[in-house]
Amino acid sequence: MPHYKDGTLAKVGDLVKGKSYNEGASGIVGTVIQIRQDTDTCNCVVAYTDVLDLDKLDTVWTNFSTGQMWNGSHKRMFLIPKVDYGELRAFEKVTFE
């Protein structure tokens, strides 16, 4: 069974934070949606939300079919659902105590 970097057993549905393959430098916080039991590399898929500040774009977007507009704090933000691959040992389970 795959584990997170602290040795905690990994399960689908866990909230995690860590470095994925494509967003590794900045890290992500998301939900584990898939685990591959047969390998130590590329053994998870994590779903997360990216936030785009529309006020900082040079161009105007006309197609918002994949995200959700949000207008809080006087900013125009766009929430984009994403998934990325990674290794479970690069993630930590997020717990609320």
PDB file of N, CA and C in Angstrom:
ATOM      1  N   MET A   1       0.835  -1.191   0.000  1.00  0.00           N
ATOM      2  CA  MET A   1       0.000   0.000   0.000  1.00  0.00           C
ATOM      3  C   MET A   1       0.880   1.255   0.000  1.00  0.00           C
ATOM      4  N   PRO A   2       0.606   2.233  -0.868  1.00  0.00           N
ATOM      5  CA  PRO A   2       1.386   3.471  -0.915  1.00  0.00           C
ATOM      6  C   PRO A   2       1.167   4.342   0.331  1.00  0.00           C
ATOM      7  N   HIS A   3       2.210   5.092   0.666  1.00  0.00           N
ATOM      8  CA  HIS A   3       2.184   5.965   1.844  1.00  0.00           C
ATOM      9  C   HIS A   3       2.656   7.371   1.468  1.00  0.00           C
ATOM     10  N   TYR A   4       2.244   8.349   2.310  1.00  0.00           N
ATOM     11  CA  TYR A   4       2.739   9.714   2.174  1.00  0.00           C
ATOM     12  C   TYR A   4       4.140   9.798   2.757  1.00  0.00           C
ATOM     13  N   LYS A   5       4.792  10.952   2.620  1.00  0.00           N
ATOM     14  CA  LYS A   5       6.192  11.074   3.033  1.00  0.00           C
ATOM     15  C   LYS A   5       6.415  10.868   4.522  1.00  0.00           C
ATOM     16  N   ASP A   6       5.377  11.048   5.347  1.00  0.00           N
ATOM     17  CA  ASP A   6       5.536  10.810   6.788  1.00  0.00           C
ATOM     18  C   ASP A   6       5.181   9.381   7.188  1.00  0.00           C
ATOM     19  N   GLY A   7       4.867   8.522   6.191  1.00  0.00           N
ATOM     20  CA  GLY A   7       4.549   7.131   6.476  1.00  0.00           C
ATOM     21  C   GLY A   7       3.066   6.839   6.632  1.00  0.00           C
ATOM     22  N   THR A   8       2.222   7.873   6.613  1.00  0.00           N
ATOM     23  CA  THR A   8       0.782   7.680   6.725  1.00  0.00           C
ATOM     24  C   THR A   8       0.250   6.955   5.494  1.00  0.00           C
ATOM     25  N   LEU A   9      -0.625   5.984   5.705  1.00  0.00           N
ATOM     26  CA  LEU A   9      -1.233   5.243   4.611  1.00  0.00           C
ATOM     27  C   LEU A   9      -2.079   6.168   3.748  1.00  0.00           C
ATOM     28  N   ALA A  10      -1.903   6.102   2.444  1.00  0.00           N
ATOM     29  CA  ALA A  10      -2.633   6.961   1.506  1.00  0.00           C
ATOM     30  C   ALA A  10      -3.958   6.331   1.127  1.00  0.00           C
ATOM     31  N   LYS A  11      -5.012   7.183   1.036  1.00  0.00           N
ATOM     32  CA  LYS A  11      -6.339   6.712   0.635  1.00  0.00           C
ATOM     33  C   LYS A  11      -6.970   7.714  -0.331  1.00  0.00           C
ATOM     34  N   VAL A  12      -7.753   7.206  -1.258  1.00  0.00           N
ATOM     35  CA  VAL A  12      -8.527   8.069  -2.150  1.00  0.00           C
ATOM     36  C   VAL A  12      -9.472   8.898  -1.280  1.00  0.00           C
ATOM     37  N   GLY A  13      -9.560  10.189  -1.575  1.00  0.00           N
ATOM     38  CA  GLY A  13     -10.408  11.099  -0.817  1.00  0.00           C
ATOM     39  C   GLY A  13      -9.649  11.928   0.201  1.00  0.00           C
ATOM     40  N   ASP A  14      -8.374  11.586   0.462  1.00  0.00           N
ATOM     41  CA  ASP A  14      -7.565  12.363   1.404  1.00  0.00           C
ATOM     42  C   ASP A  14      -7.280  13.757   0.851  1.00  0.00           C
ATOM     43  N   LEU A  15      -7.303  14.747   1.724  1.00  0.00           N
ATOM     44  CA  LEU A  15      -6.857  16.099   1.388  1.00  0.00           C
ATOM     45  C   LEU A  15      -5.355  16.129   1.610  1.00  0.00           C
ATOM     46  N   VAL A  16      -4.601  16.563   0.590  1.00  0.00           N
ATOM     47  CA  VAL A  16      -3.138  16.523   0.666  1.00  0.00           C
ATOM     48  C   VAL A  16      -2.526  17.832   0.201  1.00  0.00           C
ATOM     49  N   LYS A  17      -1.271  18.049   0.581  1.00  0.00           N
ATOM     50  CA  LYS A  17      -0.482  19.160   0.050  1.00  0.00           C
ATOM     51  C   LYS A  17       0.884  18.610  -0.315  1.00  0.00           C
ATOM     52  N   GLY A  18       1.449  19.161  -1.389  1.00  0.00           N
ATOM     53  CA  GLY A  18       2.764  18.700  -1.799  1.00  0.00           C
ATOM     54  C   GLY A  18       3.077  19.084  -3.224  1.00  0.00           C
ATOM     55  N   LYS A  19       4.074  18.404  -3.766  1.00  0.00           N
ATOM     56  CA  LYS A  19       4.578  18.737  -5.095  1.00  0.00           C
ATOM     57  C   LYS A  19       4.158  17.681  -6.107  1.00  0.00           C
ATOM     58  N   SER A  20       3.428  18.143  -7.112  1.00  0.00           N
ATOM     59  CA  SER A  20       3.029  17.263  -8.207  1.00  0.00           C
ATOM     60  C   SER A  20       4.043  17.405  -9.336  1.00  0.00           C
ATOM     61  N   TYR A  21       3.848  16.650 -10.396  1.00  0.00           N
ATOM     62  CA  TYR A  21       4.813  16.696 -11.494  1.00  0.00           C
ATOM     63  C   TYR A  21       4.808  18.026 -12.239  1.00  0.00           C
ATOM     64  N   ASN A  22       3.647  18.552 -12.589  1.00  0.00           N
ATOM     65  CA  ASN A  22       3.584  19.771 -13.396  1.00  0.00           C
ATOM     66  C   ASN A  22       3.565  21.047 -12.578  1.00  0.00           C
ATOM     67  N   GLU A  23       3.096  20.983 -11.338  1.00  0.00           N
ATOM     68  CA  GLU A  23       3.022  22.166 -10.482  1.00  0.00           C
ATOM     69  C   GLU A  23       4.004  22.037  -9.319  1.00  0.00           C
ATOM     70  N   GLY A  24       5.074  21.296  -9.510  1.00  0.00           N
ATOM     71  CA  GLY A  24       6.010  20.965  -8.443  1.00  0.00           C
ATOM     72  C   GLY A  24       6.627  22.149  -7.727  1.00  0.00           C
ATOM     73  N   ALA A  25       7.026  23.173  -8.455  1.00  0.00           N
ATOM     74  CA  ALA A  25       7.714  24.304  -7.829  1.00  0.00           C
ATOM     75  C   ALA A  25       6.816  25.041  -6.848  1.00  0.00           C
ATOM     76  N   SER A  26       5.553  25.217  -7.210  1.00  0.00           N
ATOM     77  CA  SER A  26       4.647  25.958  -6.335  1.00  0.00           C
ATOM     78  C   SER A  26       3.905  25.052  -5.374  1.00  0.00           C
ATOM     79  N   GLY A  27       3.783  23.793  -5.688  1.00  0.00           N
ATOM     80  CA  GLY A  27       3.034  22.867  -4.853  1.00  0.00           C
ATOM     81  C   GLY A  27       1.535  23.061  -5.022  1.00  0.00           C
ATOM     82  N   ILE A  28       0.771  22.077  -4.563  1.00  0.00           N
ATOM     83  CA  ILE A  28      -0.682  22.140  -4.662  1.00  0.00           C
ATOM     84  C   ILE A  28      -1.305  21.620  -3.380  1.00  0.00           C
ATOM     85  N   VAL A  29      -2.559  21.976  -3.172  1.00  0.00           N
ATOM     86  CA  VAL A  29      -3.402  21.403  -2.129  1.00  0.00           C
ATOM     87  C   VAL A  29      -4.623  20.864  -2.841  1.00  0.00           C
ATOM     88  N   GLY A  30      -4.930  19.586  -2.639  1.00  0.00           N
ATOM     89  CA  GLY A  30      -6.059  19.000  -3.346  1.00  0.00           C
ATOM     90  C   GLY A  30      -6.481  17.681  -2.750  1.00  0.00           C
ATOM     91  N   THR A  31      -7.323  16.975  -3.489  1.00  0.00           N
ATOM     92  CA  THR A  31      -7.888  15.703  -3.054  1.00  0.00           C
ATOM     93  C   THR A  31      -7.346  14.573  -3.913  1.00  0.00           C
ATOM     94  N   VAL A  32      -6.892  13.508  -3.278  1.00  0.00           N
ATOM     95  CA  VAL A  32      -6.422  12.327  -4.001  1.00  0.00           C
ATOM     96  C   VAL A  32      -7.635  11.661  -4.648  1.00  0.00           C
ATOM     97  N   ILE A  33      -7.602  11.505  -5.977  1.00  0.00           N
ATOM     98  CA  ILE A  33      -8.732  10.892  -6.675  1.00  0.00           C
ATOM     99  C   ILE A  33      -8.378   9.541  -7.288  1.00  0.00           C
ATOM    100  N   GLN A  34      -7.074   9.215  -7.324  1.00  0.00           N
ATOM    101  CA  GLN A  34      -6.679   7.917  -7.864  1.00  0.00           C
ATOM    102  C   GLN A  34      -5.333   7.519  -7.274  1.00  0.00           C
ATOM    103  N   ILE A  35      -5.196   6.226  -6.949  1.00  0.00           N
ATOM    104  CA  ILE A  35      -3.932   5.675  -6.451  1.00  0.00           C
ATOM    105  C   ILE A  35      -3.618   4.413  -7.241  1.00  0.00           C
ATOM    106  N   ARG A  36      -2.381   4.330  -7.712  1.00  0.00           N
ATOM    107  CA  ARG A  36      -1.885   3.109  -8.366  1.00  0.00           C
ATOM    108  C   ARG A  36      -1.079   2.332  -7.334  1.00  0.00           C
ATOM    109  N   GLN A  37      -1.484   1.121  -7.057  1.00  0.00           N
ATOM    110  CA  GLN A  37      -0.853   0.308  -6.027  1.00  0.00           C
ATOM    111  C   GLN A  37       0.449  -0.352  -6.499  1.00  0.00           C
ATOM    112  N   ASP A  38       0.657  -0.469  -7.804  1.00  0.00           N
ATOM    113  CA  ASP A  38       1.722  -1.300  -8.345  1.00  0.00           C
ATOM    114  C   ASP A  38       3.057  -0.588  -8.572  1.00  0.00           C
ATOM    115  N   THR A  39       3.187   0.669  -8.147  1.00  0.00           N
ATOM    116  CA  THR A  39       4.425   1.396  -8.407  1.00  0.00           C
ATOM    117  C   THR A  39       4.657   2.479  -7.355  1.00  0.00           C
ATOM    118  N   ASP A  40       5.909   2.915  -7.226  1.00  0.00           N
ATOM    119  CA  ASP A  40       6.236   4.007  -6.310  1.00  0.00           C
ATOM    120  C   ASP A  40       6.318   5.351  -7.019  1.00  0.00           C
ATOM    121  N   THR A  41       6.402   5.330  -8.356  1.00  0.00           N
ATOM    122  CA  THR A  41       6.464   6.573  -9.125  1.00  0.00           C
ATOM    123  C   THR A  41       5.166   6.751  -9.896  1.00  0.00           C
ATOM    124  N   CYS A  42       4.767   8.014 -10.072  1.00  0.00           N
ATOM    125  CA  CYS A  42       3.528   8.346 -10.772  1.00  0.00           C
ATOM    126  C   CYS A  42       2.370   7.480 -10.274  1.00  0.00           C
ATOM    127  N   ASN A  43       2.206   7.458  -8.943  1.00  0.00           N
ATOM    128  CA  ASN A  43       1.213   6.558  -8.371  1.00  0.00           C
ATOM    129  C   ASN A  43      -0.026   7.257  -7.821  1.00  0.00           C
ATOM    130  N   CYS A  44      -0.198   8.553  -8.146  1.00  0.00           N
ATOM    131  CA  CYS A  44      -1.421   9.212  -7.684  1.00  0.00           C
ATOM    132  C   CYS A  44      -1.857  10.303  -8.654  1.00  0.00           C
ATOM    133  N   VAL A  45      -3.154  10.607  -8.576  1.00  0.00           N
ATOM    134  CA  VAL A  45      -3.741  11.743  -9.285  1.00  0.00           C
ATOM    135  C   VAL A  45      -4.418  12.588  -8.223  1.00  0.00           C
ATOM    136  N   VAL A  46      -4.130  13.895  -8.239  1.00  0.00           N
ATOM    137  CA  VAL A  46      -4.690  14.824  -7.258  1.00  0.00           C
ATOM    138  C   VAL A  46      -5.507  15.883  -8.004  1.00  0.00           C
ATOM    139  N   ALA A  47      -6.744  16.101  -7.556  1.00  0.00           N
ATOM    140  CA  ALA A  47      -7.599  17.158  -8.105  1.00  0.00           C
ATOM    141  C   ALA A  47      -7.440  18.398  -7.233  1.00  0.00           C
ATOM    142  N   TYR A  48      -7.318  19.566  -7.864  1.00  0.00           N
ATOM    143  CA  TYR A  48      -7.137  20.811  -7.127  1.00  0.00           C
ATOM    144  C   TYR A  48      -7.735  21.965  -7.921  1.00  0.00           C
ATOM    145  N   THR A  49      -7.776  23.133  -7.316  1.00  0.00           N
ATOM    146  CA  THR A  49      -8.326  24.318  -7.974  1.00  0.00           C
ATOM    147  C   THR A  49      -7.239  25.363  -8.142  1.00  0.00           C
ATOM    148  N   ASP A  50      -7.100  25.883  -9.346  1.00  0.00           N
ATOM    149  CA  ASP A  50      -6.176  26.975  -9.621  1.00  0.00           C
ATOM    150  C   ASP A  50      -6.992  28.264  -9.679  1.00  0.00           C
ATOM    151  N   VAL A  51      -6.386  29.380  -9.303  1.00  0.00           N
ATOM    152  CA  VAL A  51      -7.084  30.669  -9.301  1.00  0.00           C
ATOM    153  C   VAL A  51      -6.363  31.608 -10.250  1.00  0.00           C
ATOM    154  N   LEU A  52      -7.118  32.191 -11.162  1.00  0.00           N
ATOM    155  CA  LEU A  52      -6.573  33.120 -12.147  1.00  0.00           C
ATOM    156  C   LEU A  52      -7.140  34.506 -11.875  1.00  0.00           C
ATOM    157  N   ASP A  53      -6.265  35.483 -11.700  1.00  0.00           N
ATOM    158  CA  ASP A  53      -6.680  36.871 -11.471  1.00  0.00           C
ATOM    159  C   ASP A  53      -6.927  37.523 -12.825  1.00  0.00           C
ATOM    160  N   LEU A  54      -8.194  37.716 -13.179  1.00  0.00           N
ATOM    161  CA  LEU A  54      -8.536  38.258 -14.497  1.00  0.00           C
ATOM    162  C   LEU A  54      -8.073  39.695 -14.681  1.00  0.00           C
ATOM    163  N   ASP A  55      -7.917  40.430 -13.601  1.00  0.00           N
ATOM    164  CA  ASP A  55      -7.468  41.817 -13.707  1.00  0.00           C
ATOM    165  C   ASP A  55      -6.003  41.923 -14.133  1.00  0.00           C
ATOM    166  N   LYS A  56      -5.254  40.830 -14.040  1.00  0.00           N
ATOM    167  CA  LYS A  56      -3.843  40.852 -14.428  1.00  0.00           C
ATOM    168  C   LYS A  56      -3.598  40.322 -15.833  1.00  0.00           C
ATOM    169  N   LEU A  57      -4.659  39.925 -16.527  1.00  0.00           N
ATOM    170  CA  LEU A  57      -4.510  39.405 -17.887  1.00  0.00           C
ATOM    171  C   LEU A  57      -4.420  40.542 -18.896  1.00  0.00           C
ATOM    172  N   ASP A  58      -3.631  40.329 -19.931  1.00  0.00           N
ATOM    173  CA  ASP A  58      -3.520  41.314 -21.008  1.00  0.00           C
ATOM    174  C   ASP A  58      -4.653  41.181 -22.014  1.00  0.00           C
ATOM    175  N   THR A  59      -5.252  40.003 -22.085  1.00  0.00           N
ATOM    176  CA  THR A  59      -6.318  39.773 -23.049  1.00  0.00           C
ATOM    177  C   THR A  59      -7.632  39.517 -22.320  1.00  0.00           C
ATOM    178  N   VAL A  60      -8.706  39.687 -23.017  1.00  0.00           N
ATOM    179  CA  VAL A  60     -10.032  39.450 -22.444  1.00  0.00           C
ATOM    180  C   VAL A  60     -10.490  38.051 -22.842  1.00  0.00           C
ATOM    181  N   TRP A  61     -10.901  37.279 -21.856  1.00  0.00           N
ATOM    182  CA  TRP A  61     -11.416  35.944 -22.132  1.00  0.00           C
ATOM    183  C   TRP A  61     -12.899  36.036 -22.434  1.00  0.00           C
ATOM    184  N   THR A  62     -13.324  35.301 -23.449  1.00  0.00           N
ATOM    185  CA  THR A  62     -14.744  35.300 -23.774  1.00  0.00           C
ATOM    186  C   THR A  62     -15.386  33.942 -23.507  1.00  0.00           C
ATOM    187  N   ASN A  63     -14.616  32.906 -23.248  1.00  0.00           N
ATOM    188  CA  ASN A  63     -15.158  31.567 -23.023  1.00  0.00           C
ATOM    189  C   ASN A  63     -14.812  31.115 -21.608  1.00  0.00           C
ATOM    190  N   PHE A  64     -15.798  31.077 -20.734  1.00  0.00           N
ATOM    191  CA  PHE A  64     -15.599  30.639 -19.364  1.00  0.00           C
ATOM    192  C   PHE A  64     -16.314  29.318 -19.114  1.00  0.00           C
ATOM    193  N   SER A  65     -16.197  28.396 -20.041  1.00  0.00           N
ATOM    194  CA  SER A  65     -16.975  27.161 -19.964  1.00  0.00           C
ATOM    195  C   SER A  65     -16.438  26.168 -18.942  1.00  0.00           C
ATOM    196  N   THR A  66     -15.184  26.302 -18.483  1.00  0.00           N
ATOM    197  CA  THR A  66     -14.631  25.279 -17.599  1.00  0.00           C
ATOM    198  C   THR A  66     -14.448  25.746 -16.170  1.00  0.00           C
ATOM    199  N   GLY A  67     -14.746  26.975 -15.845  1.00  0.00           N
ATOM    200  CA  GLY A  67     -14.480  27.462 -14.502  1.00  0.00           C
ATOM    201  C   GLY A  67     -15.640  28.222 -13.904  1.00  0.00           C
ATOM    202  N   GLN A  68     -15.370  28.894 -12.818  1.00  0.00           N
ATOM    203  CA  GLN A  68     -16.390  29.622 -12.079  1.00  0.00           C
ATOM    204  C   GLN A  68     -15.882  31.030 -11.805  1.00  0.00           C
ATOM    205  N   MET A  69     -16.648  32.037 -12.216  1.00  0.00           N
ATOM    206  CA  MET A  69     -16.283  33.423 -11.922  1.00  0.00           C
ATOM    207  C   MET A  69     -16.524  33.714 -10.447  1.00  0.00           C
ATOM    208  N   TRP A  70     -15.683  34.520  -9.876  1.00  0.00           N
ATOM    209  CA  TRP A  70     -15.830  34.920  -8.480  1.00  0.00           C
ATOM    210  C   TRP A  70     -15.458  36.380  -8.373  1.00  0.00           C
ATOM    211  N   ASN A  71     -16.291  37.175  -7.729  1.00  0.00           N
ATOM    212  CA  ASN A  71     -16.022  38.596  -7.614  1.00  0.00           C
ATOM    213  C   ASN A  71     -16.069  38.984  -6.143  1.00  0.00           C
ATOM    214  N   GLY A  72     -15.019  38.669  -5.426  1.00  0.00           N
ATOM    215  CA  GLY A  72     -14.909  39.040  -4.022  1.00  0.00           C
ATOM    216  C   GLY A  72     -13.713  39.944  -3.839  1.00  0.00           C
ATOM    217  N   SER A  73     -13.736  40.784  -2.847  1.00  0.00           N
ATOM    218  CA  SER A  73     -12.627  41.697  -2.549  1.00  0.00           C
ATOM    219  C   SER A  73     -12.301  42.593  -3.738  1.00  0.00           C
ATOM    220  N   HIS A  74     -13.292  42.909  -4.550  1.00  0.00           N
ATOM    221  CA  HIS A  74     -13.130  43.802  -5.701  1.00  0.00           C
ATOM    222  C   HIS A  74     -12.149  43.278  -6.727  1.00  0.00           C
ATOM    223  N   LYS A  75     -11.958  41.977  -6.782  1.00  0.00           N
ATOM    224  CA  LYS A  75     -11.110  41.377  -7.808  1.00  0.00           C
ATOM    225  C   LYS A  75     -11.952  40.439  -8.645  1.00  0.00           C
ATOM    226  N   ARG A  76     -11.591  40.324  -9.890  1.00  0.00           N
ATOM    227  CA  ARG A  76     -12.256  39.361 -10.765  1.00  0.00           C
ATOM    228  C   ARG A  76     -11.368  38.131 -10.854  1.00  0.00           C
ATOM    229  N   MET A  77     -11.835  37.046 -10.275  1.00  0.00           N
ATOM    230  CA  MET A  77     -11.066  35.812 -10.235  1.00  0.00           C
ATOM    231  C   MET A  77     -11.798  34.720 -11.002  1.00  0.00           C
ATOM    232  N   PHE A  78     -11.044  33.775 -11.498  1.00  0.00           N
ATOM    233  CA  PHE A  78     -11.594  32.645 -12.229  1.00  0.00           C
ATOM    234  C   PHE A  78     -11.032  31.380 -11.610  1.00  0.00           C
ATOM    235  N   LEU A  79     -11.900  30.495 -11.130  1.00  0.00           N
ATOM    236  CA  LEU A  79     -11.475  29.242 -10.519  1.00  0.00           C
ATOM    237  C   LEU A  79     -11.445  28.157 -11.584  1.00  0.00           C
ATOM    238  N   ILE A  80     -10.308  27.467 -11.701  1.00  0.00           N
ATOM    239  CA  ILE A  80     -10.121  26.469 -12.744  1.00  0.00           C
ATOM    240  C   ILE A  80      -9.860  25.106 -12.104  1.00  0.00           C
ATOM    241  N   PRO A  81     -10.773  24.137 -12.287  1.00  0.00           N
ATOM    242  CA  PRO A  81     -10.516  22.796 -11.754  1.00  0.00           C
ATOM    243  C   PRO A  81      -9.429  22.114 -12.574  1.00  0.00           C
ATOM    244  N   LYS A  82      -8.482  21.464 -11.888  1.00  0.00           N
ATOM    245  CA  LYS A  82      -7.373  20.791 -12.553  1.00  0.00           C
ATOM    246  C   LYS A  82      -7.070  19.465 -11.874  1.00  0.00           C
ATOM    247  N   VAL A  83      -6.318  18.621 -12.562  1.00  0.00           N
ATOM    248  CA  VAL A  83      -5.755  17.407 -11.977  1.00  0.00           C
ATOM    249  C   VAL A  83      -4.289  17.338 -12.368  1.00  0.00           C
ATOM    250  N   ASP A  84      -3.492  16.687 -11.515  1.00  0.00           N
ATOM    251  CA  ASP A  84      -2.081  16.491 -11.825  1.00  0.00           C
ATOM    252  C   ASP A  84      -1.630  15.165 -11.234  1.00  0.00           C
ATOM    253  N   TYR A  85      -0.554  14.649 -11.779  1.00  0.00           N
ATOM    254  CA  TYR A  85       0.015  13.387 -11.352  1.00  0.00           C
ATOM    255  C   TYR A  85       1.178  13.640 -10.398  1.00  0.00           C
ATOM    256  N   GLY A  86       1.504  12.638  -9.620  1.00  0.00           N
ATOM    257  CA  GLY A  86       2.633  12.772  -8.719  1.00  0.00           C
ATOM    258  C   GLY A  86       2.964  11.475  -8.019  1.00  0.00           C
ATOM    259  N   GLU A  87       3.877  11.584  -7.073  1.00  0.00           N
ATOM    260  CA  GLU A  87       4.260  10.458  -6.223  1.00  0.00           C
ATOM    261  C   GLU A  87       3.732  10.726  -4.831  1.00  0.00           C
ATOM    262  N   LEU A  88       3.035   9.768  -4.259  1.00  0.00           N
ATOM    263  CA  LEU A  88       2.443   9.965  -2.930  1.00  0.00           C
ATOM    264  C   LEU A  88       3.488  10.340  -1.894  1.00  0.00           C
ATOM    265  N   ARG A  89       4.712   9.840  -2.032  1.00  0.00           N
ATOM    266  CA  ARG A  89       5.746  10.152  -1.044  1.00  0.00           C
ATOM    267  C   ARG A  89       6.184  11.623  -1.091  1.00  0.00           C
ATOM    268  N   ALA A  90       5.691  12.385  -2.085  1.00  0.00           N
ATOM    269  CA  ALA A  90       5.978  13.819  -2.170  1.00  0.00           C
ATOM    270  C   ALA A  90       4.859  14.652  -1.545  1.00  0.00           C
ATOM    271  N   PHE A  91       3.842  13.985  -0.976  1.00  0.00           N
ATOM    272  CA  PHE A  91       2.686  14.680  -0.402  1.00  0.00           C
ATOM    273  C   PHE A  91       2.562  14.400   1.092  1.00  0.00           C
ATOM    274  N   GLU A  92       1.873  15.323   1.770  1.00  0.00           N
ATOM    275  CA  GLU A  92       1.506  15.164   3.169  1.00  0.00           C
ATOM    276  C   GLU A  92      -0.017  15.188   3.266  1.00  0.00           C
ATOM    277  N   LYS A  93      -0.576  14.377   4.142  1.00  0.00           N
ATOM    278  CA  LYS A  93      -2.014  14.432   4.392  1.00  0.00           C
ATOM    279  C   LYS A  93      -2.308  15.650   5.243  1.00  0.00           C
ATOM    280  N   VAL A  94      -3.330  16.422   4.848  1.00  0.00           N
ATOM    281  CA  VAL A  94      -3.743  17.605   5.600  1.00  0.00           C
ATOM    282  C   VAL A  94      -4.797  17.161   6.618  1.00  0.00           C
ATOM    283  N   THR A  95      -4.560  17.508   7.873  1.00  0.00           N
ATOM    284  CA  THR A  95      -5.519  17.166   8.924  1.00  0.00           C
ATOM    285  C   THR A  95      -5.906  18.438   9.673  1.00  0.00           C
ATOM    286  N   PHE A  96      -7.100  18.446  10.195  1.00  0.00           N
ATOM    287  CA  PHE A  96      -7.611  19.562  10.968  1.00  0.00           C
ATOM    288  C   PHE A  96      -7.822  19.080  12.397  1.00  0.00           C
ATOM    289  N   GLU A  97      -7.122  19.692  13.325  1.00  0.00           N
ATOM    290  CA  GLU A  97      -7.239  19.278  14.727  1.00  0.00           C
ATOM    291  C   GLU A  97      -7.700  20.414  15.585  1.00  0.00           C
TER     292      GLU A  97
END
